[in-house]
Protein backbone atom coordinates (compact mmCIF):
# COMPACT_ATOMS: atom_id res chain seq x y z
CA MET A 1 133.27 96.69 119.30
CA ILE A 2 130.96 95.55 121.38
CA GLN A 3 127.31 95.94 120.40
CA THR A 4 124.71 95.39 122.26
CA LYS A 5 121.41 96.14 120.60
CA THR A 6 119.93 93.63 118.53
CA THR A 7 117.63 95.71 116.54
CA PHE A 8 118.31 98.91 114.19
CA THR A 9 116.06 101.64 112.17
CA VAL A 10 117.40 102.26 108.92
CA ASN A 11 116.23 105.65 107.08
CA SER A 12 117.03 106.77 103.62
CA PRO A 13 115.39 108.24 100.85
CA ALA A 14 112.22 106.60 99.35
CA THR A 15 114.08 106.80 95.56
CA ILE A 16 117.30 107.14 94.51
CA VAL A 17 118.14 107.89 91.21
CA TYR A 18 121.73 107.99 89.86
CA GLY A 19 124.30 107.33 87.06
CA ARG A 20 125.48 109.65 84.18
CA ALA A 21 122.58 111.68 83.13
CA ALA A 22 119.86 111.03 86.04
CA PHE A 23 119.24 114.80 86.07
CA GLU A 24 117.67 114.64 82.98
CA GLU A 25 114.66 112.61 85.24
CA VAL A 26 114.19 115.79 87.51
CA GLY A 27 110.86 116.54 85.60
CA VAL A 28 109.72 113.16 85.56
CA TYR A 29 109.99 112.78 89.35
CA ALA A 30 109.02 116.46 90.21
CA ASN A 31 105.16 115.89 88.48
CA LYS A 32 104.45 113.28 90.55
CA LEU A 33 105.11 115.46 93.45
CA GLY A 34 103.52 118.80 92.42
CA THR A 35 102.84 121.45 89.94
CA LYS A 36 104.87 124.31 91.10
CA ALA A 37 108.25 124.32 92.59
CA LEU A 38 111.06 126.38 94.55
CA ILE A 39 114.57 125.74 93.18
CA VAL A 40 116.71 126.50 95.92
CA SER A 41 120.34 126.73 94.92
CA ASP A 42 123.39 129.36 94.96
CA PRO A 43 124.88 131.93 92.36
CA ILE A 44 127.54 129.57 91.27
CA MET A 45 124.96 126.85 90.37
CA GLU A 46 123.14 129.84 88.13
CA GLY A 47 126.14 130.79 86.11
CA LEU A 48 126.48 127.38 85.46
CA GLY A 49 123.37 127.26 84.01
CA PHE A 50 122.27 124.27 86.28
CA VAL A 51 119.43 126.18 87.75
CA GLN A 52 118.05 127.16 83.91
CA GLN A 53 118.65 123.62 82.85
CA CYS A 54 116.45 122.34 86.15
CA MET A 55 113.93 125.31 84.93
CA THR A 56 114.02 123.46 81.31
CA LEU A 57 112.95 119.86 82.48
CA LEU A 58 110.51 120.87 85.27
CA LYS A 59 108.69 122.48 82.01
CA ALA A 60 108.84 120.03 80.07
CA ASN A 61 107.01 117.93 82.60
CA GLY A 62 104.11 120.45 83.11
CA LEU A 63 105.60 122.21 86.15
CA GLN A 64 106.39 126.40 86.70
CA ALA A 65 109.39 126.96 88.90
CA VAL A 66 110.38 130.29 91.40
CA THR A 67 113.80 130.34 92.24
CA TYR A 68 116.13 131.36 96.13
CA VAL A 69 119.34 131.46 95.06
CA GLY A 70 120.93 133.29 97.72
CA VAL A 71 122.95 130.43 99.33
CA THR A 72 126.24 132.32 98.87
CA THR A 73 127.79 130.78 102.41
CA GLU A 74 126.97 127.84 104.37
CA PRO A 75 123.72 127.62 105.45
CA VAL A 76 122.56 130.23 107.83
CA ASP A 77 119.03 130.81 109.50
CA THR A 78 118.36 134.01 107.45
CA TYR A 79 118.42 131.92 104.18
CA VAL A 80 115.78 129.31 105.37
CA ALA A 81 113.19 132.25 106.05
CA GLN A 82 114.25 133.72 102.80
CA GLY A 83 113.67 130.80 100.86
CA LEU A 84 110.43 130.41 102.89
CA GLU A 85 109.14 133.61 102.02
CA ILE A 86 109.69 133.25 98.26
CA LEU A 87 107.67 129.46 98.42
CA GLN A 88 104.92 131.15 100.55
CA ALA A 89 104.11 133.91 97.97
CA ALA A 90 104.36 132.00 95.18
CA GLN A 91 102.41 129.12 96.66
CA CYS A 92 105.24 126.11 95.48
CA ASP A 93 103.79 122.52 96.47
CA VAL A 94 107.60 121.15 95.81
CA ILE A 95 111.11 121.90 96.21
CA ILE A 96 113.95 120.95 94.09
CA SER A 97 117.60 121.76 95.71
CA VAL A 98 120.37 121.85 93.07
CA GLY A 99 124.10 122.07 94.64
CA GLY A 100 126.18 121.19 97.51
CA GLY A 101 125.35 120.47 101.04
CA SER A 102 124.42 124.27 101.50
CA CYS A 103 121.90 123.99 99.40
CA ILE A 104 120.53 120.90 100.20
CA ASP A 105 120.23 121.68 103.77
CA THR A 106 118.61 124.91 103.30
CA ALA A 107 115.78 123.11 101.52
CA LYS A 108 115.29 120.86 104.24
CA ALA A 109 114.65 123.23 106.52
CA ILE A 110 112.13 125.39 103.75
CA ALA A 111 110.65 122.11 103.61
CA VAL A 112 110.12 121.13 106.91
CA VAL A 113 109.45 124.87 108.12
CA ALA A 114 107.03 125.08 105.93
CA THR A 115 104.34 122.98 107.01
CA ASN A 116 105.25 122.79 110.71
CA GLY A 117 105.67 126.24 111.61
CA GLY A 118 108.09 128.10 113.93
CA TYR A 119 112.01 129.11 114.14
CA ILE A 120 114.30 126.00 112.38
CA GLY A 121 116.12 126.03 115.81
CA ASP A 122 113.07 125.25 117.47
CA TYR A 123 113.49 121.39 115.56
CA MET A 124 117.54 121.38 117.25
CA LYS A 125 117.18 117.78 120.09
CA MET A 126 113.83 117.08 118.81
CA ALA A 127 112.29 120.25 121.15
CA LYS A 128 110.01 120.50 118.31
CA VAL A 129 108.72 117.40 116.59
CA ALA A 130 107.67 117.70 112.61
CA GLU A 131 103.94 116.30 113.37
CA HIS A 132 103.37 116.85 109.83
CA PRO A 133 104.62 115.76 106.01
CA PRO A 134 107.58 118.43 105.02
CA ILE A 135 107.20 120.21 101.64
CA PRO A 136 107.95 117.40 99.15
CA HIS A 137 111.67 117.71 98.20
CA ILE A 138 113.93 116.43 95.55
CA ALA A 139 117.63 116.74 96.70
CA VAL A 140 120.26 116.62 93.44
CA PRO A 141 123.89 117.25 94.72
CA THR A 142 126.60 118.94 92.52
CA THR A 143 129.50 117.76 94.57
CA ALA A 144 130.26 114.70 95.76
CA GLY A 145 130.73 115.30 99.34
CA THR A 146 128.43 116.23 102.42
CA GLY A 147 125.87 113.19 101.22
CA SER A 148 122.96 115.68 102.59
CA GLU A 149 120.73 114.33 99.64
CA ALA A 150 120.15 110.76 101.51
CA THR A 151 120.13 111.88 105.74
CA ASP A 152 117.75 112.58 107.64
CA ALA A 153 120.31 115.83 109.35
CA THR A 154 120.12 119.41 108.38
CA VAL A 155 122.67 121.66 109.75
CA ILE A 156 121.99 125.53 110.34
CA THR A 157 123.81 128.36 112.00
CA ASN A 158 121.88 130.68 114.64
CA THR A 159 123.36 133.84 113.25
CA THR A 160 122.30 134.97 116.61
CA ASN A 161 124.56 133.01 118.75
CA ASP A 162 127.03 131.88 115.92
CA VAL A 163 125.67 128.27 116.72
CA LYS A 164 125.63 125.85 113.80
CA MET A 165 122.57 123.70 114.94
CA MET A 166 122.86 120.30 114.34
CA ILE A 167 119.04 118.82 113.69
CA LYS A 168 118.18 115.70 112.75
CA GLN A 169 114.52 114.23 112.43
CA PRO A 170 113.24 111.79 109.85
CA ALA A 171 111.21 114.86 108.53
CA PHE A 172 114.25 116.50 107.05
CA MET A 173 114.91 113.40 104.89
CA PRO A 174 114.42 114.42 101.17
CA PRO A 175 112.01 111.73 99.73
CA ILE A 176 114.00 111.58 96.18
CA ALA A 177 117.63 111.71 95.72
CA ILE A 178 119.08 112.66 92.34
CA VAL A 179 122.93 111.84 92.03
CA ASP A 180 124.37 112.59 88.86
CA PRO A 181 128.20 112.54 88.54
CA MET A 182 127.97 114.83 85.73
CA LEU A 183 127.33 117.39 88.01
CA THR A 184 130.07 117.65 89.53
CA LEU A 185 132.38 117.54 86.40
CA THR A 186 132.59 121.52 87.25
CA SER A 187 133.85 120.78 90.93
CA PRO A 188 137.14 122.78 90.91
CA PRO A 189 140.44 121.48 92.53
CA ALA A 190 140.12 122.64 95.77
CA ILE A 191 136.29 122.24 96.15
CA THR A 192 136.60 118.61 94.96
CA ALA A 193 139.38 118.07 97.81
CA ALA A 194 137.19 119.58 100.36
CA THR A 195 133.64 117.87 99.39
CA GLY A 196 135.94 114.64 98.81
CA ILE A 197 137.61 114.35 102.31
CA ASP A 198 134.11 115.23 103.63
CA ALA A 199 132.74 112.43 102.17
CA LEU A 200 135.65 110.30 103.87
CA SER A 201 135.22 111.67 107.28
CA HIS A 202 131.51 110.48 107.17
CA ALA A 203 132.31 107.07 105.70
CA ILE A 204 135.38 106.56 108.56
CA GLU A 205 133.04 108.21 111.65
CA SER A 206 130.48 106.19 110.68
CA TYR A 207 132.17 103.05 110.87
CA LEU A 208 134.02 104.22 114.07
CA SER A 209 130.81 105.30 115.76
CA ARG A 210 129.72 103.96 119.16
CA LEU A 211 126.48 103.59 117.05
CA ALA A 212 127.48 101.84 114.15
CA HIS A 213 125.27 98.72 113.46
CA PRO A 214 125.79 95.68 110.62
CA TYR A 215 123.64 97.81 107.88
CA SER A 216 125.29 101.39 107.95
CA ASN A 217 128.64 99.26 107.91
CA VAL A 218 128.21 97.51 105.04
CA LEU A 219 127.77 101.16 103.53
CA ALA A 220 130.63 103.08 104.98
CA LEU A 221 132.88 99.89 104.02
CA SER A 222 131.97 100.44 100.64
CA ALA A 223 132.10 104.53 100.74
CA MET A 224 135.61 104.16 102.12
CA GLU A 225 136.42 101.81 99.38
CA LEU A 226 135.24 103.60 96.58
CA ILE A 227 136.26 107.61 97.86
CA ILE A 228 140.19 106.11 98.67
CA ASN A 229 140.65 104.92 95.41
CA ASN A 230 139.18 107.67 93.67
CA ILE A 231 139.74 110.92 95.41
CA LEU A 232 143.01 111.80 93.90
CA LYS A 233 142.44 111.26 90.26
CA VAL A 234 139.51 112.99 90.59
CA TYR A 235 141.33 115.96 92.15
CA GLU A 236 144.25 115.83 89.63
CA GLN A 237 142.24 114.98 86.32
CA GLY A 238 138.66 116.45 87.40
CA ASN A 239 137.51 115.51 84.16
CA ASP A 240 137.85 111.38 84.43
CA VAL A 241 134.08 110.44 84.58
CA ASP A 242 134.52 106.98 85.80
CA ALA A 243 136.18 108.51 89.02
CA ARG A 244 133.73 111.18 89.32
CA GLU A 245 130.91 108.55 89.29
CA ALA A 246 132.64 106.51 91.86
CA MET A 247 132.84 109.40 94.02
CA SER A 248 129.54 110.63 94.21
CA LEU A 249 128.24 106.82 94.66
CA GLY A 250 130.67 107.00 97.53
CA SER A 251 129.55 109.98 98.84
CA MET A 252 125.82 109.03 99.13
CA GLN A 253 126.70 105.85 100.57
CA ALA A 254 128.79 107.82 103.48
CA GLY A 255 125.77 109.52 103.45
CA LEU A 256 123.53 106.75 104.19
CA ALA A 257 126.13 105.17 106.43
CA PHE A 258 126.50 108.50 108.84
CA SER A 259 122.51 108.86 108.88
CA ASN A 260 122.41 105.88 110.30
CA ALA A 261 125.01 105.61 112.66
CA SER A 262 126.01 109.53 113.22
CA VAL A 263 128.78 110.86 113.09
CA ALA A 264 131.78 111.44 115.83
CA LEU A 265 134.12 114.30 117.39
CA VAL A 266 135.12 115.49 114.21
CA HIS A 267 132.06 116.70 112.98
CA GLY A 268 131.80 117.93 116.73
CA MET A 269 134.43 120.15 116.55
CA SER A 270 134.03 120.91 113.11
CA ARG A 271 130.64 122.93 113.60
CA PRO A 272 131.99 125.35 116.20
CA ILE A 273 135.07 125.86 114.11
CA GLY A 274 132.56 126.67 110.63
CA ALA A 275 130.30 129.22 112.78
CA LEU A 276 132.67 131.17 114.61
CA PHE A 277 135.49 131.29 111.64
CA HIS A 278 133.53 130.85 108.56
CA VAL A 279 135.85 128.05 107.77
CA PRO A 280 133.88 125.62 104.96
CA HIS A 281 133.14 122.41 106.82
CA GLY A 282 134.71 119.70 104.04
CA ILE A 283 137.84 121.67 105.41
CA SER A 284 137.32 121.64 108.59
CA ASN A 285 136.89 118.43 108.93
CA ALA A 286 139.93 117.60 107.13
CA MET A 287 142.19 119.55 109.09
CA LEU A 288 141.09 117.92 112.54
CA LEU A 289 140.41 114.01 110.92
CA PRO A 290 143.53 112.86 111.39
CA ALA A 291 144.34 114.21 114.68
CA VAL A 292 141.14 113.21 116.02
CA LEU A 293 142.01 109.57 114.42
CA GLU A 294 145.16 110.06 116.23
CA PHE A 295 143.76 110.98 119.80
CA SER A 296 140.98 107.71 118.96
CA LYS A 297 143.26 104.91 117.97
CA ASP A 298 143.49 103.39 121.44
CA ALA A 299 140.01 102.92 121.38
CA CYS A 300 139.56 101.59 118.05
CA VAL A 301 142.51 100.00 116.68
CA GLU A 302 140.67 96.74 115.10
CA ARG A 303 138.24 99.20 113.21
CA LEU A 304 141.57 101.44 111.81
CA ALA A 305 143.15 98.67 111.08
CA ASP A 306 139.95 97.67 108.53
CA ILE A 307 140.48 100.91 107.01
CA GLY A 308 144.29 100.37 106.57
CA LYS A 309 143.67 97.48 104.51
CA TYR A 310 142.28 99.88 102.00
CA PHE A 311 146.36 101.55 101.71
CA ASN A 312 147.45 98.65 101.63
CA LYS A 313 147.98 97.39 98.25
CA ASP A 314 151.51 95.50 98.29
CA GLY A 315 150.20 93.63 101.67
CA LYS A 316 153.59 94.63 103.23
CA TYR A 317 151.97 95.47 106.39
CA GLY A 318 150.43 92.95 108.86
CA THR A 319 149.57 93.34 112.56
CA GLN A 320 146.56 95.46 113.48
CA GLU A 321 148.88 98.18 115.00
CA GLU A 322 150.27 98.43 111.52
CA LEU A 323 147.27 98.20 109.51
CA ALA A 324 145.73 101.00 112.24
CA THR A 325 148.83 103.43 112.12
CA LEU A 326 148.82 103.08 108.13
CA ALA A 327 145.24 104.00 107.79
CA ILE A 328 146.17 107.33 110.09
CA ASP A 329 149.09 108.16 108.13
CA SER A 330 147.93 107.55 104.37
CA ILE A 331 144.52 109.87 105.00
CA LYS A 332 147.31 112.53 106.52
CA ALA A 333 149.40 112.10 103.21
CA LEU A 334 145.93 112.52 101.07
CA CYS A 335 145.08 115.44 103.12
CA LYS A 336 148.97 116.86 102.57
CA LYS A 337 148.42 116.25 98.49
CA MET A 338 145.52 118.21 98.19
CA ARG A 339 146.92 121.02 100.10
CA ILE A 340 144.83 120.40 103.05
CA GLY A 341 147.02 123.10 105.29
CA ASN A 342 146.01 123.53 109.07
CA LEU A 343 144.10 126.04 111.03
CA GLN A 344 146.95 128.48 110.86
CA GLN A 345 147.40 127.76 107.81
CA TRP A 346 143.95 128.99 106.83
CA GLY A 347 144.82 132.47 108.64
CA ILE A 348 143.23 132.08 111.56
CA GLU A 349 144.86 133.88 114.24
CA LYS A 350 146.16 132.59 117.12
CA GLU A 351 144.47 134.62 120.29
CA ALA A 352 141.46 134.98 118.45
CA PHE A 353 141.27 130.87 117.83
CA TYR A 354 142.54 129.89 121.46
CA ALA A 355 140.38 132.40 123.28
CA ALA A 356 137.03 131.02 121.61
CA ILE A 357 138.26 127.13 122.20
CA PRO A 358 135.95 127.17 125.36
CA LYS A 359 133.34 128.10 123.62
CA MET A 360 134.01 125.43 120.78
CA ALA A 361 134.30 122.52 123.39
CA THR A 362 131.17 123.82 124.94
CA ASP A 363 129.50 124.03 121.91
CA ALA A 364 131.10 120.53 120.36
CA ILE A 365 130.29 119.18 123.42
CA ALA A 366 126.72 120.10 123.45
CA SER A 367 125.83 118.72 119.68
CA GLY A 368 126.25 115.15 121.23
CA SER A 369 128.48 114.03 118.36
CA PRO A 370 131.78 113.81 120.76
CA ALA A 371 129.68 110.94 122.83
CA ASN A 372 129.25 109.05 119.65
CA ASN A 373 133.23 108.69 119.45
CA PRO A 374 135.28 105.39 120.38
CA LYS A 375 137.21 107.68 122.80
CA VAL A 376 134.70 109.90 124.21
CA PRO A 377 136.98 113.08 125.37
CA THR A 378 136.89 115.25 128.08
CA GLN A 379 136.15 119.15 127.69
CA ASP A 380 140.05 119.69 128.61
CA GLU A 381 140.85 116.81 126.04
CA LEU A 382 138.23 118.84 123.62
CA MET A 383 140.49 121.97 124.26
CA GLU A 384 143.68 120.68 123.87
CA LEU A 385 142.51 119.03 120.56
CA TYR A 386 141.68 121.97 119.28
CA LYS A 387 145.38 123.50 120.10
CA ILE A 388 146.70 120.26 118.09
CA ALA A 389 144.71 120.90 115.04
CA TYR A 390 145.62 124.52 115.09
CA HIS A 391 149.23 123.70 114.48
CA TYR A 392 148.97 120.27 113.23
CA ALA A 393 151.59 119.29 110.68
CA PHE A 394 150.03 117.38 107.73
């Protein structure tokens, strides 16, 4: 890959606290930021006791707290409006998100809109720039997947036109991320698989991205090694704490990598599927990843070969072409072992899916992500890729 730029900008949380029992420190850090917190979470996290645990830790450090646990799907603009209303009514001055990427992305949007006004969609493609500091936000992920705790992006669905809005500005970066692998132990196998492949997609796409640079490459490669070596372990034996810890670290590194190098075609195609057919983000990424890598292969053989080395345990494969093919075949095998089906097997009717392909292709291109791919697809190629993905054989 020929790199023409010579200077780069790196964005990350000001503070990252990670490791076993890191969650115990949430009150200490929240106390430095405010006096009353809005906890943004979901009913599952509430049922598992994580929301109450957060409230207890905050209270022990002198903070009051109110909750918004209405995030029941991937984030939509109505969640942002509801959470904002609670924050303003309670006069909260700090936000804690506890949950997966949906909770974290919702909290990011609330934090920015609270101090800068308008509708969250106004911030898409920098049409509205956040000029005022957002409400301080501490992101606490409970899955090893989105890496949203370490990115300056949020993805919110516009419920009026069914478009997943990819919004990226420095203001959306949480100032503090607390990454505790112990919180991921409750993730069931299906969620572990979906979020794990999502994290792997982030690492791979940031490494293949046209915007990749030396700093993001280091993070992406480290993330891939951690995820590839541990994803099946956590899927098959969810109480493997060492593997969970490796996945949490890998997910965060992948988040940092793609936040600074951007994602590409997989994510560009994935968002419209989620918006129109409500396929969880990690699942739709996994459904698309092998097919997109096959499409892109000719333009990034060297980089795919680097990925193939992580699967070449016995040194059997030597040429770049062999290693690149090994990378794709091995990722496909991972998806199969973790029961990632194609879009048809997910239950989406063929007629409905095919009818939506022109809109999905248009929305994907409009997001800007496909332009970062090593091989940039035409509209027709994108539409054909959607058809391939629908029937794809893992």
